[in-house]
N, C-alpha and C. Protein backbone atom coordinates (compact mmCIF):
# COMPACT_ATOMS: atom_id res chain seq x y z
N MET A 1 35.07 13.72 32.66
CA MET A 1 33.65 13.32 32.89
C MET A 1 32.65 13.91 32.03
N GLU A 2 32.93 15.30 31.68
CA GLU A 2 32.19 15.91 30.69
C GLU A 2 32.32 15.39 29.45
N ASN A 3 33.38 15.11 28.95
CA ASN A 3 33.63 14.37 27.62
C ASN A 3 32.96 12.98 27.46
N GLY A 4 33.09 12.38 28.84
CA GLY A 4 32.36 11.03 28.83
C GLY A 4 30.83 11.17 28.56
N LYS A 5 30.34 12.24 29.24
CA LYS A 5 28.78 12.54 29.02
C LYS A 5 28.53 12.69 27.50
N LYS A 6 29.30 13.59 26.89
CA LYS A 6 29.03 14.08 25.52
C LYS A 6 29.14 12.97 24.58
N ILE A 7 30.19 11.92 24.86
CA ILE A 7 30.24 10.71 24.02
C ILE A 7 29.05 9.75 24.22
N LYS A 8 28.53 9.77 25.49
CA LYS A 8 27.42 8.83 25.63
C LYS A 8 26.17 9.34 25.06
N ALA A 9 26.01 10.78 25.04
CA ALA A 9 24.90 11.32 24.56
C ALA A 9 24.90 11.23 23.01
N LEU A 10 26.17 11.36 22.34
CA LEU A 10 26.18 11.10 20.91
C LEU A 10 26.09 9.68 20.40
N GLU A 11 26.49 8.86 21.37
CA GLU A 11 26.14 7.28 20.88
C GLU A 11 24.80 6.99 20.92
N PHE A 12 24.04 7.57 22.03
CA PHE A 12 22.64 7.25 22.17
C PHE A 12 21.87 7.99 21.00
N GLU A 13 22.23 9.21 20.57
CA GLU A 13 21.67 9.86 19.51
C GLU A 13 21.88 8.98 18.26
N ARG A 14 23.19 8.48 17.83
CA ARG A 14 23.14 7.57 16.79
C ARG A 14 22.53 6.43 16.80
N GLN A 15 22.48 5.75 18.08
CA GLN A 15 21.64 4.50 17.83
C GLN A 15 20.11 4.76 17.77
N SER A 16 19.66 6.00 18.13
CA SER A 16 18.27 6.35 18.08
C SER A 16 18.10 6.53 16.57
N SER A 17 19.03 7.10 15.95
CA SER A 17 18.74 7.59 14.52
C SER A 17 18.83 6.08 13.68
N GLU A 18 19.80 5.28 14.01
CA GLU A 18 19.81 3.88 13.37
C GLU A 18 18.55 3.19 13.65
N LEU A 19 17.80 3.15 14.79
CA LEU A 19 16.79 2.39 15.04
C LEU A 19 15.52 3.13 14.38
N LYS A 20 15.53 4.45 14.26
CA LYS A 20 14.34 5.15 13.47
C LYS A 20 14.47 4.65 12.18
N ILE A 21 15.63 4.71 11.52
CA ILE A 21 15.85 4.22 10.10
C ILE A 21 15.31 2.70 9.94
N LEU A 22 15.50 2.03 10.81
CA LEU A 22 15.22 0.49 10.68
C LEU A 22 13.78 0.34 10.77
N ARG A 23 13.25 1.16 11.87
CA ARG A 23 11.63 1.03 11.84
C ARG A 23 10.89 1.52 10.84
N GLU A 24 11.52 2.41 9.98
CA GLU A 24 10.87 2.82 8.70
C GLU A 24 10.98 2.13 7.62
N GLN A 25 11.80 1.01 7.54
CA GLN A 25 12.10 0.23 6.50
C GLN A 25 10.96 -0.89 6.51
N ILE A 26 10.01 -0.95 5.53
CA ILE A 26 8.97 -1.81 5.55
C ILE A 26 9.50 -2.73 4.18
N ASN A 27 9.61 -4.20 4.61
CA ASN A 27 9.92 -5.01 3.68
C ASN A 27 8.93 -5.24 2.61
N PRO A 28 9.26 -4.77 1.31
CA PRO A 28 8.14 -4.68 0.32
C PRO A 28 7.58 -6.31 -0.17
N HIS A 29 8.60 -7.23 -0.16
CA HIS A 29 8.19 -8.49 -0.65
C HIS A 29 7.30 -9.16 0.34
N PHE A 30 7.06 -8.62 1.42
CA PHE A 30 6.13 -9.15 2.50
C PHE A 30 4.65 -9.01 1.72
N PHE A 31 4.41 -7.83 1.33
CA PHE A 31 3.09 -7.43 0.72
C PHE A 31 3.10 -8.20 -0.57
N PHE A 32 4.21 -8.13 -1.33
CA PHE A 32 4.04 -8.94 -2.74
C PHE A 32 3.69 -10.38 -2.55
N ASN A 33 4.19 -11.02 -1.59
CA ASN A 33 4.02 -12.51 -1.21
C ASN A 33 2.38 -12.78 -0.89
N ALA A 34 1.96 -11.77 0.00
CA ALA A 34 0.52 -11.95 0.39
C ALA A 34 -0.44 -11.73 -0.72
N LEU A 35 0.10 -10.78 -1.58
CA LEU A 35 -0.75 -10.54 -2.96
C LEU A 35 -0.72 -11.55 -3.82
N ASN A 36 0.27 -12.21 -4.01
CA ASN A 36 0.50 -13.47 -4.73
C ASN A 36 -0.39 -14.54 -4.35
N SER A 37 -0.53 -14.53 -3.06
CA SER A 37 -1.56 -15.51 -2.30
C SER A 37 -2.86 -15.26 -2.71
N ILE A 38 -3.12 -14.01 -2.73
CA ILE A 38 -4.46 -13.87 -3.07
C ILE A 38 -4.81 -13.99 -4.57
N TYR A 39 -3.78 -13.69 -5.40
CA TYR A 39 -3.96 -13.86 -6.63
C TYR A 39 -4.06 -15.35 -7.16
N SER A 40 -3.31 -16.19 -6.53
CA SER A 40 -3.57 -17.75 -6.52
C SER A 40 -4.92 -18.20 -6.18
N LEU A 41 -5.46 -17.54 -5.12
CA LEU A 41 -6.78 -17.97 -4.62
C LEU A 41 -7.92 -17.40 -5.77
N SER A 42 -7.57 -16.30 -6.17
CA SER A 42 -8.69 -15.66 -7.27
C SER A 42 -8.64 -16.47 -8.51
N ILE A 43 -7.47 -16.97 -8.97
CA ILE A 43 -7.42 -17.82 -10.20
C ILE A 43 -8.31 -18.94 -10.23
N ILE A 44 -8.34 -19.61 -8.86
CA ILE A 44 -9.33 -20.67 -8.82
C ILE A 44 -10.58 -20.43 -8.39
N GLN A 45 -10.93 -19.05 -8.12
CA GLN A 45 -12.21 -18.51 -7.59
C GLN A 45 -12.46 -19.20 -6.16
N SER A 46 -11.61 -19.24 -5.42
CA SER A 46 -11.78 -19.68 -3.96
C SER A 46 -12.70 -18.83 -3.24
N LYS A 47 -13.54 -19.58 -2.58
CA LYS A 47 -14.43 -18.67 -1.57
C LYS A 47 -13.68 -18.00 -0.50
N ASP A 48 -12.50 -18.33 -0.21
CA ASP A 48 -11.72 -17.73 0.83
C ASP A 48 -11.12 -16.40 0.46
N THR A 49 -11.23 -15.89 -0.96
CA THR A 49 -10.53 -14.81 -1.36
C THR A 49 -10.87 -13.56 -0.59
N PRO A 50 -12.21 -13.34 -0.45
CA PRO A 50 -12.63 -12.13 0.36
C PRO A 50 -11.92 -12.11 1.77
N ARG A 51 -11.99 -13.10 2.51
CA ARG A 51 -11.48 -13.30 3.78
C ARG A 51 -9.86 -13.18 3.67
N VAL A 52 -9.29 -13.53 2.83
CA VAL A 52 -7.83 -13.29 2.80
C VAL A 52 -7.48 -11.78 2.63
N ILE A 53 -8.40 -11.19 1.66
CA ILE A 53 -8.30 -9.70 1.46
C ILE A 53 -8.41 -8.97 2.73
N LEU A 54 -9.39 -9.29 3.57
CA LEU A 54 -9.60 -8.65 4.73
C LEU A 54 -8.60 -8.73 5.79
N ILE A 55 -7.78 -10.06 5.76
CA ILE A 55 -6.81 -10.35 6.75
C ILE A 55 -5.63 -9.43 6.36
N LEU A 56 -5.38 -9.27 5.02
CA LEU A 56 -4.12 -8.53 4.66
C LEU A 56 -4.44 -7.19 4.89
N SER A 57 -5.61 -6.83 4.72
CA SER A 57 -5.89 -5.32 4.99
C SER A 57 -5.51 -4.98 6.52
N ASP A 58 -5.80 -6.02 7.33
CA ASP A 58 -5.54 -5.68 8.81
C ASP A 58 -4.17 -5.60 9.15
N ILE A 59 -3.46 -6.62 8.33
CA ILE A 59 -2.05 -6.72 8.57
C ILE A 59 -1.25 -5.43 8.14
N MET A 60 -1.69 -4.85 6.92
CA MET A 60 -0.99 -3.63 6.36
C MET A 60 -1.46 -2.63 7.37
N ARG A 61 -2.56 -2.45 7.86
CA ARG A 61 -2.83 -1.38 8.75
C ARG A 61 -1.89 -1.45 10.09
N TYR A 62 -1.85 -2.84 10.58
CA TYR A 62 -0.89 -2.87 11.80
C TYR A 62 0.56 -2.53 11.40
N VAL A 63 1.04 -2.89 10.35
CA VAL A 63 2.36 -2.58 9.93
C VAL A 63 2.64 -1.08 9.72
N LEU A 64 1.67 -0.35 9.17
CA LEU A 64 1.86 0.99 8.95
C LEU A 64 1.74 1.72 10.15
N ASN A 65 0.83 1.36 11.03
CA ASN A 65 0.44 2.09 12.36
C ASN A 65 1.62 1.81 13.21
N ASN A 66 2.37 0.70 13.31
CA ASN A 66 3.22 0.43 14.26
C ASN A 66 4.73 0.51 13.87
N LYS A 67 5.22 1.13 12.84
CA LYS A 67 6.45 1.10 12.43
C LYS A 67 7.29 1.97 13.14
N SER A 68 6.72 2.88 13.87
CA SER A 68 7.55 3.93 14.66
C SER A 68 7.28 3.80 16.13
N LEU A 69 6.73 3.04 16.63
CA LEU A 69 6.27 2.89 17.96
C LEU A 69 7.53 2.37 18.64
N HIS A 70 7.84 2.81 19.99
CA HIS A 70 8.82 2.24 20.87
C HIS A 70 8.75 0.85 21.17
N LYS A 71 7.49 0.51 21.82
CA LYS A 71 7.14 -0.87 21.98
C LYS A 71 5.82 -1.02 21.74
N ASN A 72 5.29 -2.40 21.47
CA ASN A 72 4.08 -2.80 21.20
C ASN A 72 3.76 -3.79 22.13
N ASN A 73 2.35 -4.08 22.53
CA ASN A 73 1.77 -5.13 23.37
C ASN A 73 2.02 -6.47 22.57
N LEU A 74 2.60 -7.31 23.32
CA LEU A 74 3.07 -8.61 22.64
C LEU A 74 1.94 -9.46 22.04
N ASN A 75 0.85 -9.25 22.66
CA ASN A 75 -0.34 -10.15 22.42
C ASN A 75 -0.69 -9.46 21.01
N ASP A 76 -0.68 -8.18 20.80
CA ASP A 76 -1.00 -7.62 19.36
C ASP A 76 -0.12 -8.30 18.38
N GLU A 77 1.21 -8.25 18.63
CA GLU A 77 2.30 -8.76 17.76
C GLU A 77 1.89 -10.33 17.37
N ILE A 78 1.66 -11.01 18.55
CA ILE A 78 1.37 -12.36 18.07
C ILE A 78 -0.10 -12.44 17.34
N THR A 79 -0.95 -11.67 17.52
CA THR A 79 -2.19 -11.65 16.82
C THR A 79 -1.82 -11.50 15.33
N ASN A 80 -1.00 -10.45 15.06
CA ASN A 80 -0.72 -10.17 13.66
C ASN A 80 0.06 -11.28 13.04
N ILE A 81 0.80 -12.08 13.79
CA ILE A 81 1.53 -13.12 13.15
C ILE A 81 0.39 -14.28 12.82
N LYS A 82 -0.46 -14.36 13.81
CA LYS A 82 -1.40 -15.50 13.42
C LYS A 82 -2.24 -15.14 12.33
N LYS A 83 -2.61 -13.83 12.03
CA LYS A 83 -3.32 -13.47 10.84
C LYS A 83 -2.40 -13.68 9.62
N TYR A 84 -1.17 -13.58 9.44
CA TYR A 84 -0.26 -13.97 8.41
C TYR A 84 -0.38 -15.35 8.24
N ILE A 85 -0.17 -16.29 9.29
CA ILE A 85 -0.24 -17.60 9.21
C ILE A 85 -1.51 -18.06 8.76
N GLU A 86 -2.62 -17.46 9.06
CA GLU A 86 -3.81 -17.77 8.60
C GLU A 86 -4.03 -17.57 6.91
N ILE A 87 -3.51 -16.53 6.37
CA ILE A 87 -3.37 -16.31 5.06
C ILE A 87 -2.70 -17.49 4.42
N GLN A 88 -1.49 -17.83 4.87
CA GLN A 88 -0.70 -18.75 4.32
C GLN A 88 -1.32 -20.29 4.46
N SER A 89 -1.94 -20.33 5.59
CA SER A 89 -2.68 -21.75 5.89
C SER A 89 -3.84 -21.88 4.75
N ILE A 90 -4.56 -20.85 4.44
CA ILE A 90 -5.61 -20.88 3.32
C ILE A 90 -4.78 -21.21 2.02
N ARG A 91 -3.78 -20.62 1.71
CA ARG A 91 -3.00 -20.93 0.65
C ARG A 91 -2.57 -22.20 0.42
N PHE A 92 -1.99 -22.91 1.51
CA PHE A 92 -1.37 -24.13 1.52
C PHE A 92 -2.39 -25.12 2.01
N ASN A 93 -3.75 -25.07 1.86
CA ASN A 93 -4.53 -25.99 2.55
C ASN A 93 -4.57 -27.41 2.23
N LYS A 94 -3.89 -27.71 1.09
CA LYS A 94 -3.83 -29.04 0.70
C LYS A 94 -2.71 -29.89 1.58
N PHE A 95 -1.88 -29.11 2.43
CA PHE A 95 -0.88 -29.76 3.12
C PHE A 95 -1.37 -29.85 4.45
N SER A 96 -1.08 -30.90 5.22
CA SER A 96 -1.47 -30.94 6.69
C SER A 96 -0.43 -30.84 7.66
N ASN A 97 0.93 -30.65 6.99
CA ASN A 97 2.05 -30.54 7.87
C ASN A 97 2.50 -29.21 8.18
N LEU A 98 1.45 -28.32 8.43
CA LEU A 98 1.89 -26.86 8.84
C LEU A 98 1.31 -26.78 10.40
N ASN A 99 2.38 -26.61 11.25
CA ASN A 99 1.90 -26.65 12.62
C ASN A 99 2.43 -25.37 13.32
N TYR A 100 1.65 -24.91 14.21
CA TYR A 100 1.95 -23.75 15.06
C TYR A 100 1.37 -23.79 16.52
N GLU A 101 2.15 -23.13 17.42
CA GLU A 101 1.74 -23.32 18.68
C GLU A 101 2.03 -21.96 19.49
N PHE A 102 1.16 -21.44 20.18
CA PHE A 102 1.47 -20.27 21.00
C PHE A 102 1.04 -20.52 22.59
N GLN A 103 1.98 -20.34 23.42
CA GLN A 103 1.70 -20.42 24.77
C GLN A 103 2.29 -19.37 25.57
N GLY A 104 1.56 -18.78 26.48
CA GLY A 104 2.07 -17.88 27.51
C GLY A 104 0.93 -16.68 27.57
N ASN A 105 1.14 -15.87 28.61
CA ASN A 105 0.35 -14.70 28.92
C ASN A 105 0.96 -13.43 28.18
N PHE A 106 0.60 -13.40 26.79
CA PHE A 106 1.23 -12.38 26.17
C PHE A 106 0.72 -10.97 26.23
N GLU A 107 -0.37 -10.86 26.92
CA GLU A 107 -0.89 -9.40 27.35
C GLU A 107 -0.03 -8.67 28.30
N SER A 108 0.80 -9.25 29.00
CA SER A 108 1.57 -8.70 30.25
C SER A 108 2.94 -8.20 29.69
N TYR A 109 3.11 -8.27 28.42
CA TYR A 109 4.63 -7.85 27.93
C TYR A 109 4.69 -6.98 26.75
N GLU A 110 5.67 -6.38 26.42
CA GLU A 110 5.80 -5.45 25.21
C GLU A 110 7.18 -5.97 24.46
N ILE A 111 7.04 -5.62 23.30
CA ILE A 111 7.99 -6.15 22.37
C ILE A 111 8.26 -5.02 21.18
N GLU A 112 9.47 -5.05 20.59
CA GLU A 112 9.57 -4.11 19.32
C GLU A 112 8.64 -4.65 18.38
N PRO A 113 7.92 -3.75 17.66
CA PRO A 113 7.01 -3.99 16.58
C PRO A 113 7.53 -4.83 15.41
N LEU A 114 6.97 -5.83 14.97
CA LEU A 114 7.43 -6.63 13.74
C LEU A 114 8.57 -7.28 13.78
N LEU A 115 9.22 -7.46 15.15
CA LEU A 115 10.50 -8.05 15.22
C LEU A 115 10.53 -9.52 14.89
N LEU A 116 9.55 -10.28 15.04
CA LEU A 116 9.40 -11.71 14.72
C LEU A 116 8.89 -12.07 13.19
N LEU A 117 8.14 -11.16 12.64
CA LEU A 117 7.47 -11.40 11.46
C LEU A 117 8.29 -11.81 10.34
N THR A 118 9.56 -11.34 10.35
CA THR A 118 10.52 -11.55 9.15
C THR A 118 10.84 -12.99 9.15
N PHE A 119 11.16 -13.53 10.36
CA PHE A 119 11.37 -14.98 10.19
C PHE A 119 10.36 -15.92 9.77
N VAL A 120 9.19 -15.53 10.30
CA VAL A 120 7.90 -16.25 9.83
C VAL A 120 7.62 -16.08 8.29
N GLU A 121 7.75 -14.83 7.87
CA GLU A 121 7.69 -14.75 6.49
C GLU A 121 8.69 -15.48 5.58
N ASN A 122 9.78 -15.47 5.91
CA ASN A 122 10.93 -16.23 5.18
C ASN A 122 10.69 -17.71 5.19
N ALA A 123 10.17 -18.14 6.34
CA ALA A 123 9.82 -19.70 6.32
C ALA A 123 8.79 -20.09 5.35
N PHE A 124 7.63 -19.23 5.27
CA PHE A 124 6.71 -19.64 4.27
C PHE A 124 7.05 -19.38 2.98
N LYS A 125 8.14 -18.16 2.83
CA LYS A 125 8.52 -18.02 1.33
C LYS A 125 9.37 -19.04 0.85
N TYR A 126 10.21 -19.81 1.56
CA TYR A 126 11.16 -20.83 1.10
C TYR A 126 10.76 -22.27 1.31
N ALA A 127 9.78 -22.48 2.26
CA ALA A 127 9.38 -23.89 2.69
C ALA A 127 8.84 -24.76 1.53
N ASP A 128 9.26 -25.88 1.49
CA ASP A 128 8.66 -26.88 0.51
C ASP A 128 8.10 -28.04 1.29
N LEU A 129 6.67 -27.76 1.52
CA LEU A 129 5.77 -28.51 2.19
C LEU A 129 5.72 -30.03 1.80
N ARG A 130 6.04 -30.24 0.66
CA ARG A 130 6.13 -31.54 0.11
C ARG A 130 7.31 -32.22 0.72
N LYS A 131 8.33 -31.65 1.12
CA LYS A 131 9.59 -32.37 1.70
C LYS A 131 9.33 -32.47 3.19
N GLY A 132 8.75 -31.65 3.85
CA GLY A 132 8.64 -31.73 5.45
C GLY A 132 7.70 -30.73 5.98
N SER A 133 7.57 -30.65 7.18
CA SER A 133 6.70 -29.83 7.93
C SER A 133 7.23 -28.37 8.06
N LEU A 134 6.41 -27.47 8.34
CA LEU A 134 6.87 -26.12 8.74
C LEU A 134 6.19 -26.00 10.16
N ASP A 135 7.11 -25.74 10.98
CA ASP A 135 6.68 -25.60 12.52
C ASP A 135 7.04 -24.28 13.20
N ILE A 136 6.04 -23.74 13.84
CA ILE A 136 6.25 -22.48 14.58
C ILE A 136 5.78 -22.55 15.88
N LYS A 137 6.74 -22.36 16.89
CA LYS A 137 6.40 -22.50 18.35
C LYS A 137 6.73 -21.08 19.05
N VAL A 138 5.84 -20.61 19.81
CA VAL A 138 6.10 -19.53 20.60
C VAL A 138 5.82 -19.83 22.02
N ASN A 139 6.75 -19.73 23.05
CA ASN A 139 6.28 -19.91 24.46
C ASN A 139 7.00 -18.73 25.21
N LEU A 140 6.02 -18.33 26.19
CA LEU A 140 6.52 -17.22 27.03
C LEU A 140 6.50 -17.78 28.43
N ASN A 141 7.38 -17.63 29.15
CA ASN A 141 7.55 -18.13 30.53
C ASN A 141 8.34 -17.10 31.38
N ASN A 142 7.65 -16.57 32.29
CA ASN A 142 8.43 -15.59 33.17
C ASN A 142 9.14 -14.55 32.43
N GLY A 143 8.52 -13.95 31.26
CA GLY A 143 9.30 -12.87 30.49
C GLY A 143 10.13 -13.42 29.63
N LEU A 144 10.71 -14.72 29.48
CA LEU A 144 11.56 -15.25 28.51
C LEU A 144 10.63 -15.80 27.42
N LEU A 145 11.04 -15.24 26.13
CA LEU A 145 10.30 -15.66 24.96
C LEU A 145 11.02 -16.52 24.32
N ASP A 146 10.48 -17.64 24.03
CA ASP A 146 11.09 -18.76 23.21
C ASP A 146 10.52 -18.91 21.93
N PHE A 147 11.20 -18.33 20.88
CA PHE A 147 10.66 -18.44 19.54
C PHE A 147 11.31 -19.44 18.63
N ASP A 148 10.72 -20.48 18.25
CA ASP A 148 11.23 -21.48 17.43
C ASP A 148 10.59 -21.71 16.08
N ILE A 149 11.25 -21.70 14.96
CA ILE A 149 10.55 -22.05 13.70
C ILE A 149 11.61 -22.85 12.95
N ARG A 150 10.98 -23.85 12.10
CA ARG A 150 11.62 -24.57 11.41
C ARG A 150 11.02 -24.86 9.98
N ASN A 151 11.72 -25.08 8.81
CA ASN A 151 11.07 -25.53 7.76
C ASN A 151 12.24 -26.19 6.66
N PHE A 152 11.66 -27.17 5.89
CA PHE A 152 12.49 -27.86 4.86
C PHE A 152 12.28 -26.96 3.64
N TYR A 153 13.33 -27.10 2.75
CA TYR A 153 13.36 -26.54 1.50
C TYR A 153 14.06 -27.38 0.41
N GLU A 154 13.85 -27.15 -0.79
CA GLU A 154 14.54 -27.88 -1.95
C GLU A 154 15.79 -27.25 -2.23
N ASN A 155 16.79 -27.76 -2.08
CA ASN A 155 18.16 -27.09 -2.07
C ASN A 155 18.39 -26.42 -3.43
N LYS A 156 17.98 -26.99 -4.55
CA LYS A 156 18.33 -26.52 -5.95
C LYS A 156 17.53 -25.16 -6.12
N ASN A 157 16.35 -25.01 -5.34
CA ASN A 157 15.62 -23.89 -5.69
C ASN A 157 15.71 -22.92 -4.59
N TYR A 158 16.56 -23.04 -3.64
CA TYR A 158 16.63 -22.11 -2.69
C TYR A 158 17.76 -21.16 -2.69
N GLU A 159 17.33 -19.82 -2.93
CA GLU A 159 18.34 -18.85 -3.08
C GLU A 159 17.60 -17.61 -2.39
N LYS A 160 18.33 -16.97 -1.30
CA LYS A 160 17.60 -15.87 -0.53
C LYS A 160 17.70 -14.73 -1.40
N SER A 161 16.76 -14.00 -1.53
CA SER A 161 16.65 -12.77 -2.05
C SER A 161 17.39 -11.61 -1.23
N ASP A 162 17.77 -10.38 -1.78
CA ASP A 162 18.39 -9.42 -1.10
C ASP A 162 17.33 -8.90 -0.12
N ASP A 163 16.10 -8.91 -0.50
CA ASP A 163 15.10 -8.41 0.65
C ASP A 163 15.16 -9.32 1.75
N SER A 164 15.25 -10.51 1.48
CA SER A 164 15.15 -11.47 2.63
C SER A 164 16.36 -11.38 3.68
N LYS A 165 17.66 -11.19 2.98
CA LYS A 165 18.81 -11.12 3.58
C LYS A 165 18.69 -9.75 4.47
N LEU A 166 18.27 -8.67 3.88
CA LEU A 166 18.15 -7.41 4.53
C LEU A 166 17.11 -7.44 5.62
N GLY A 167 16.04 -8.10 5.31
CA GLY A 167 15.19 -8.21 6.48
C GLY A 167 15.78 -8.87 7.89
N ILE A 168 16.51 -10.04 7.58
CA ILE A 168 17.06 -10.69 8.74
C ILE A 168 18.17 -9.77 9.42
N GLU A 169 19.01 -9.14 8.42
CA GLU A 169 19.89 -8.15 9.00
C GLU A 169 19.51 -7.19 9.81
N ASN A 170 18.31 -6.58 9.31
CA ASN A 170 17.64 -5.44 10.06
C ASN A 170 17.25 -5.94 11.48
N THR A 171 16.54 -7.07 11.62
CA THR A 171 16.15 -7.76 12.69
C THR A 171 17.33 -7.99 13.63
N LYS A 172 18.37 -8.43 13.23
CA LYS A 172 19.54 -8.58 14.23
C LYS A 172 20.09 -7.38 14.51
N MET A 173 20.03 -6.27 13.72
CA MET A 173 20.48 -4.92 14.35
C MET A 173 19.46 -4.40 15.27
N LYS A 174 18.17 -4.52 15.16
CA LYS A 174 17.28 -4.26 16.30
C LYS A 174 17.49 -4.95 17.53
N LEU A 175 17.68 -6.16 17.45
CA LEU A 175 18.03 -6.97 18.60
C LEU A 175 19.35 -6.42 19.36
N ASN A 176 20.34 -6.01 18.55
CA ASN A 176 21.47 -5.44 19.20
C ASN A 176 21.15 -4.11 19.73
N LEU A 177 20.34 -3.47 19.20
CA LEU A 177 20.20 -2.07 19.71
C LEU A 177 19.10 -1.85 20.95
N LEU A 178 18.35 -2.82 20.95
CA LEU A 178 17.30 -2.71 21.88
C LEU A 178 17.28 -3.78 23.09
N TYR A 179 18.07 -4.95 22.78
CA TYR A 179 17.95 -6.01 23.58
C TYR A 179 19.43 -6.45 23.89
N PRO A 180 20.28 -5.56 23.96
CA PRO A 180 21.91 -5.97 24.21
C PRO A 180 21.86 -6.90 25.54
N ASP A 181 22.59 -8.08 25.11
CA ASP A 181 22.73 -9.04 26.39
C ASP A 181 21.49 -9.66 26.85
N LYS A 182 20.44 -9.45 26.05
CA LYS A 182 19.01 -10.00 26.55
C LYS A 182 18.47 -11.20 25.50
N TYR A 183 19.26 -11.38 24.49
CA TYR A 183 18.73 -12.26 23.69
C TYR A 183 19.84 -13.21 23.20
N GLN A 184 19.28 -14.52 22.70
CA GLN A 184 20.33 -15.52 21.98
C GLN A 184 19.46 -15.81 20.77
N LEU A 185 20.28 -15.50 19.65
CA LEU A 185 19.66 -15.85 18.26
C LEU A 185 20.51 -16.95 17.61
N ASP A 186 19.95 -18.05 17.31
CA ASP A 186 20.62 -19.24 16.57
C ASP A 186 19.88 -19.63 15.22
N ILE A 187 20.70 -19.49 14.14
CA ILE A 187 20.26 -19.79 12.85
C ILE A 187 21.01 -20.96 12.22
N ASN A 188 20.41 -22.12 11.99
CA ASN A 188 20.97 -23.23 11.46
C ASN A 188 20.47 -23.76 10.17
N ASP A 189 21.27 -23.97 9.17
CA ASP A 189 20.97 -24.38 7.93
C ASP A 189 21.81 -25.52 7.50
N ASN A 190 21.22 -26.81 7.30
CA ASN A 190 22.04 -27.90 7.16
C ASN A 190 21.85 -28.32 5.57
N GLY A 191 21.52 -27.42 4.65
CA GLY A 191 21.30 -27.79 3.36
C GLY A 191 19.96 -28.11 2.85
N SER A 192 19.13 -28.59 3.83
CA SER A 192 17.76 -29.01 3.42
C SER A 192 16.67 -28.32 4.46
N GLU A 193 17.16 -28.22 5.61
CA GLU A 193 16.44 -27.85 6.79
C GLU A 193 16.90 -26.62 7.29
N TYR A 194 16.04 -25.60 7.55
CA TYR A 194 16.41 -24.16 8.14
C TYR A 194 15.67 -23.97 9.46
N LYS A 195 16.42 -23.78 10.56
CA LYS A 195 16.02 -23.69 11.90
C LYS A 195 16.39 -22.16 12.34
N VAL A 196 15.44 -21.55 13.02
CA VAL A 196 15.61 -20.33 13.71
C VAL A 196 15.21 -20.52 15.11
N ASN A 197 15.94 -20.17 16.09
CA ASN A 197 15.59 -20.02 17.50
C ASN A 197 15.99 -18.86 18.15
N LEU A 198 15.08 -18.04 18.75
CA LEU A 198 15.38 -16.75 19.38
C LEU A 198 14.82 -16.90 20.75
N LYS A 199 15.73 -16.68 21.68
CA LYS A 199 15.47 -16.54 23.22
C LYS A 199 15.79 -15.02 23.53
N LEU A 200 14.43 -14.45 24.03
CA LEU A 200 14.40 -13.06 24.23
C LEU A 200 13.95 -12.89 25.63
N GLN A 201 14.60 -12.08 26.37
CA GLN A 201 14.11 -11.62 27.67
C GLN A 201 13.54 -10.47 27.60
N LEU A 202 12.22 -10.38 28.05
CA LEU A 202 11.38 -9.15 28.02
C LEU A 202 11.29 -8.55 29.22
N ASN A 203 11.25 -7.24 29.44
CA ASN A 203 11.04 -6.82 30.73
C ASN A 203 9.60 -6.57 31.05
């Protein structure tokens, strides 16, 4: 029994260390993509450039302040995602097929910080909005978070970077460490359409 307790303690310590490392890893291309968006707007001297810089500042502050928290209010997490979507909406304002929907009482639940953002970021990074819509849906019902995202892409130009792969793998590891037996993650790629669905039971 004593050995069993020691083994459990060591396993808990190992998982805590793994989680700490994962939380401290900030995906750099997230900021590079946002800065590229600002650069594109500045080239055409868009009146939206100051607004986008302000939003990016809020996102950076949120990311840096929350990378080591145990859990964060879900409403704050959703607000941060909406800010990122706003930046991209301004960038792709010539397209009308960008759709997003958020439903639920997000204030009542907590979630691992930045858990969903990687999937949103990848969708915008690889989406070809000339080929089809980019759809983001988040629904919360009785503590069950249903996160659904879909984008089309041009196959010949589609090649995931190491940063993108690392971001997705890190998200999967966080789910395994923090939400064992409480989530279902389905990722489907048919060669032109990429879908992610995450069902996560929140306490």
